C-alpha atoms as a PDB file:
ATOM      1  CA  MET A   1     -12.283  15.742  -3.738  1.00  0.00           C
ATOM      2  CA  SER A   2     -12.624  18.007  -0.745  1.00  0.00           C
ATOM      3  CA  LEU A   3     -12.217  16.561   2.728  1.00  0.00           C
ATOM      4  CA  GLU A   4     -14.684  18.951   4.311  1.00  0.00           C
ATOM      5  CA  ALA A   5     -17.856  17.642   5.891  1.00  0.00           C
ATOM      6  CA  VAL A   6     -20.845  17.672   3.546  1.00  0.00           C
ATOM      7  CA  ASN A   7     -24.556  16.950   3.812  1.00  0.00           C
ATOM      8  CA  SER A   8     -24.590  13.326   5.014  1.00  0.00           C
ATOM      9  CA  SER A   9     -27.895  12.458   3.323  1.00  0.00           C
ATOM     10  CA  LYS A  10     -26.330  12.792  -0.153  1.00  0.00           C
ATOM     11  CA  ALA A  11     -22.693  11.915   0.582  1.00  0.00           C
ATOM     12  CA  THR A  12     -21.026   9.066  -1.233  1.00  0.00           C
ATOM     13  CA  VAL A  13     -17.527   9.300   0.264  1.00  0.00           C
ATOM     14  CA  PHE A  14     -16.939   8.721   3.968  1.00  0.00           C
ATOM     15  CA  ARG A  15     -13.863   8.933   6.212  1.00  0.00           C
ATOM     16  CA  GLN A  16     -13.231   6.831   9.289  1.00  0.00           C
ATOM     17  CA  PRO A  17     -12.062   9.233  12.027  1.00  0.00           C
ATOM     18  CA  GLU A  18      -9.650   6.821  13.740  1.00  0.00           C
ATOM     19  CA  THR A  19      -7.726   5.636  10.678  1.00  0.00           C
ATOM     20  CA  GLY A  20      -8.486   8.261   8.039  1.00  0.00           C
ATOM     21  CA  ARG A  21      -9.565   5.525   5.631  1.00  0.00           C
ATOM     22  CA  LEU A  22     -11.853   6.738   2.821  1.00  0.00           C
ATOM     23  CA  LEU A  23     -14.730   4.645   1.509  1.00  0.00           C
ATOM     24  CA  ASP A  24     -16.701   5.513  -1.624  1.00  0.00           C
ATOM     25  CA  ILE A  25     -20.219   4.063  -1.622  1.00  0.00           C
ATOM     26  CA  GLY A  26     -21.224   5.643  -4.918  1.00  0.00           C
ATOM     27  CA  ARG A  27     -20.734   2.320  -6.682  1.00  0.00           C
ATOM     28  CA  ALA A  28     -22.651   0.347  -4.054  1.00  0.00           C
ATOM     29  CA  PRO A  29     -25.560  -0.636  -6.354  1.00  0.00           C
ATOM     30  CA  LYS A  30     -23.225  -2.050  -9.004  1.00  0.00           C
ATOM     31  CA  GLU A  31     -21.067  -3.859  -6.492  1.00  0.00           C
ATOM     32  CA  ALA A  32     -24.095  -5.244  -4.632  1.00  0.00           C
ATOM     33  CA  LEU A  33     -25.547  -6.516  -7.904  1.00  0.00           C
ATOM     34  CA  VAL A  34     -22.325  -8.339  -8.758  1.00  0.00           C
ATOM     35  CA  LYS A  35     -21.219  -9.507  -5.301  1.00  0.00           C
ATOM     36  CA  GLY A  36     -24.602 -10.176  -3.718  1.00  0.00           C
ATOM     37  CA  PRO A  37     -24.595 -10.656   0.074  1.00  0.00           C
ATOM     38  CA  PHE A  38     -20.789 -10.713   0.063  1.00  0.00           C
ATOM     39  CA  TYR A  39     -20.765  -6.961  -0.601  1.00  0.00           C
ATOM     40  CA  PHE A  40     -22.280  -6.306   2.824  1.00  0.00           C
ATOM     41  CA  ALA A  41     -20.141  -8.991   4.481  1.00  0.00           C
ATOM     42  CA  VAL A  42     -16.923  -7.424   3.152  1.00  0.00           C
ATOM     43  CA  ASN A  43     -18.061  -4.049   4.492  1.00  0.00           C
ATOM     44  CA  LYS A  44     -19.040  -5.611   7.859  1.00  0.00           C
ATOM     45  CA  VAL A  45     -22.749  -4.854   7.601  1.00  0.00           C
ATOM     46  CA  TRP A  46     -23.539  -8.260   9.058  1.00  0.00           C
ATOM     47  CA  LYS A  47     -27.275  -7.818   9.592  1.00  0.00           C
ATOM     48  CA  HIS A  48     -27.926  -7.125   5.914  1.00  0.00           C
ATOM     49  CA  ALA A  49     -25.391  -9.727   4.765  1.00  0.00           C
ATOM     50  CA  ILE A  50     -27.214 -12.486   6.654  1.00  0.00           C
ATOM     51  CA  ILE A  51     -30.760 -11.338   5.915  1.00  0.00           C
ATOM     52  CA  GLY A  52     -29.879 -10.760   2.255  1.00  0.00           C
ATOM     53  CA  ALA A  53     -28.306 -14.209   1.896  1.00  0.00           C
ATOM     54  CA  VAL A  54     -31.308 -15.951   3.464  1.00  0.00           C
ATOM     55  CA  LEU A  55     -33.811 -14.008   1.354  1.00  0.00           C
ATOM     56  CA  ALA A  56     -31.766 -14.563  -1.806  1.00  0.00           C
ATOM     57  CA  PHE A  57     -31.800 -18.298  -1.128  1.00  0.00           C
ATOM     58  CA  LEU A  58     -35.549 -18.372  -0.442  1.00  0.00           C
ATOM     59  CA  THR A  59     -36.468 -16.275  -3.499  1.00  0.00           C
ATOM     60  CA  LEU A  60     -33.880 -17.732  -5.907  1.00  0.00           C
ATOM     61  CA  GLY A  61     -32.022 -14.430  -5.960  1.00  0.00           C
ATOM     62  CA  ILE A  62     -34.919 -12.195  -6.927  1.00  0.00           C
ATOM     63  CA  SER A  63     -34.935 -10.441  -3.540  1.00  0.00           C
ATOM     64  CA  TRP A  64     -31.373  -9.351  -4.144  1.00  0.00           C
ATOM     65  CA  LEU A  65     -32.624  -6.904  -6.769  1.00  0.00           C
ATOM     66  CA  VAL A  66     -34.308  -4.995  -3.940  1.00  0.00           C
ATOM     67  CA  TYR A  67     -31.046  -4.946  -2.006  1.00  0.00           C
ATOM     68  CA  THR A  68     -29.281  -3.603  -5.088  1.00  0.00           C
ATOM     69  CA  VAL A  69     -31.632  -0.631  -5.213  1.00  0.00           C
ATOM     70  CA  TYR A  70     -31.246   0.191  -1.512  1.00  0.00           C
ATOM     71  CA  SER A  71     -27.575  -0.741  -1.037  1.00  0.00           C
ATOM     72  CA  GLU A  72     -26.241   2.826  -1.093  1.00  0.00           C
ATOM     73  CA  ARG A  73     -28.765   3.964   1.520  1.00  0.00           C
ATOM     74  CA  ILE A  74     -28.026   0.916   3.690  1.00  0.00           C
ATOM     75  CA  MET A  75     -24.285   1.588   3.518  1.00  0.00           C
ATOM     76  CA  ARG A  76     -24.726   5.325   4.227  1.00  0.00           C
ATOM     77  CA  ASN A  77     -26.874   4.635   7.306  1.00  0.00           C
ATOM     78  CA  HIS A  78     -24.441   1.992   8.581  1.00  0.00           C
ATOM     79  CA  LEU A  79     -21.394   4.216   8.147  1.00  0.00           C
ATOM     80  CA  LEU A  80     -23.029   7.190   9.850  1.00  0.00           C
ATOM     81  CA  ALA A  81     -24.215   4.967  12.726  1.00  0.00           C
ATOM     82  CA  THR A  82     -20.697   3.620  13.253  1.00  0.00           C
ATOM     83  CA  GLY A  83     -19.095   7.069  13.388  1.00  0.00           C
ATOM     84  CA  TRP A  84     -17.810   7.629   9.851  1.00  0.00           C
ATOM     85  CA  ILE A  85     -17.823  11.230   8.608  1.00  0.00           C
ATOM     86  CA  ALA A  86     -19.368  12.245   5.283  1.00  0.00           C
ATOM     87  CA  VAL A  87     -16.711  14.097   3.308  1.00  0.00           C
ATOM     88  CA  ALA A  88     -17.814  14.389  -0.331  1.00  0.00           C
ATOM     89  CA  LYS A  89     -20.529  13.808  -2.871  1.00  0.00           C
ATOM     90  CA  GLU A  90     -19.217  12.294  -6.077  1.00  0.00           C
ATOM     91  CA  THR A  91     -20.896  12.982  -9.384  1.00  0.00           C
ATOM     92  CA  ARG A  92     -22.203   9.857 -11.017  1.00  0.00           C
ATOM     93  CA  ASP A  93     -22.979   8.806 -14.515  1.00  0.00           C
ATOM     94  CA  GLU A  94     -26.768   8.586 -14.678  1.00  0.00           C
ATOM     95  CA  ASP A  95     -26.568   6.032 -17.497  1.00  0.00           C
ATOM     96  CA  ALA A  96     -25.098   3.601 -14.960  1.00  0.00           C
ATOM     97  CA  ASN A  97     -28.499   3.365 -13.270  1.00  0.00           C
ATOM     98  CA  LEU A  98     -30.042   2.361 -16.602  1.00  0.00           C
ATOM     99  CA  VAL A  99     -27.480  -0.411 -16.958  1.00  0.00           C
ATOM    100  CA  ILE A 100     -28.247  -1.670 -13.458  1.00  0.00           C
ATOM    101  CA  LEU A 101     -31.970  -1.728 -14.173  1.00  0.00           C
ATOM    102  CA  LEU A 102     -31.432  -3.487 -17.497  1.00  0.00           C
ATOM    103  CA  VAL A 103     -29.243  -6.180 -15.927  1.00  0.00           C
ATOM    104  CA  ALA A 104     -31.691  -6.584 -13.046  1.00  0.00           C
ATOM    105  CA  ASN A 105     -34.619  -7.039 -15.431  1.00  0.00           C
ATOM    106  CA  ILE A 106     -32.743  -9.557 -17.565  1.00  0.00           C
ATOM    107  CA  TRP A 107     -31.764 -11.461 -14.435  1.00  0.00           C
ATOM    108  CA  ALA A 108     -35.372 -11.485 -13.198  1.00  0.00           C
ATOM    109  CA  VAL A 109     -36.660 -12.791 -16.550  1.00  0.00           C
ATOM    110  CA  VAL A 110     -34.038 -15.557 -16.620  1.00  0.00           C
ATOM    111  CA  LEU A 111     -34.843 -16.594 -13.047  1.00  0.00           C
ATOM    112  CA  MET A 112     -38.565 -16.582 -13.725  1.00  0.00           C
ATOM    113  CA  GLY A 113     -38.042 -18.733 -16.820  1.00  0.00           C
ATOM    114  CA  LEU A 114     -35.937 -21.143 -14.799  1.00  0.00           C
ATOM    115  CA  LEU A 115     -38.603 -21.262 -12.101  1.00  0.00           C
ATOM    116  CA  VAL A 116     -41.315 -22.040 -14.666  1.00  0.00           C
ATOM    117  CA  TYR A 117     -39.172 -24.763 -16.250  1.00  0.00           C
ATOM    118  CA  VAL A 118     -38.399 -26.402 -12.896  1.00  0.00           C
ATOM    119  CA  SER A 119     -42.065 -26.185 -11.874  1.00  0.00           C
ATOM    120  CA  LEU A 120     -43.196 -27.804 -15.107  1.00  0.00           C
ATOM    121  CA  ALA A 121     -40.562 -30.517 -14.790  1.00  0.00           C
ATOM    122  CA  TYR A 122     -41.673 -31.257 -11.233  1.00  0.00           C
ATOM    123  CA  PHE A 123     -45.454 -31.171 -11.683  1.00  0.00           C
ATOM    124  CA  PHE A 124     -45.704 -32.361 -15.289  1.00  0.00           C
ATOM    125  CA  PRO A 125     -42.588 -34.429 -16.052  1.00  0.00           C
ATOM    126  CA  GLU A 126     -44.173 -36.038 -19.108  1.00  0.00           C
ATOM    127  CA  SER A 127     -44.725 -32.645 -20.794  1.00  0.00           C
ATOM    128  CA  LEU A 128     -40.975 -32.003 -21.120  1.00  0.00           C
END
């Protein structure tokens, strides 16, 4: 990996100028899918951690699928705004995106089924 500055709109690896710490955001969608709002909290993107947690609670987690899709862009914008320098663009396995979409769709179907079951149990308790 080269430590030269690259086009920041496509970069996935960033360096903090003060400490030299490197951060790879190429796996942000996978990590956001698994960790939920904690992914942004660990990376100190507090605005999205709080908003994401509230929306996930209100929508039974379905809104987090949107955050999964946009997590890399959110992280890139946050890092650039806080002074990190884009240093490299990592190549990614394109099949990983298919896995993320498949898991997200399965999760959405399970949550919708749970929502229907809870709704039926609440409104029509004698039917179950």
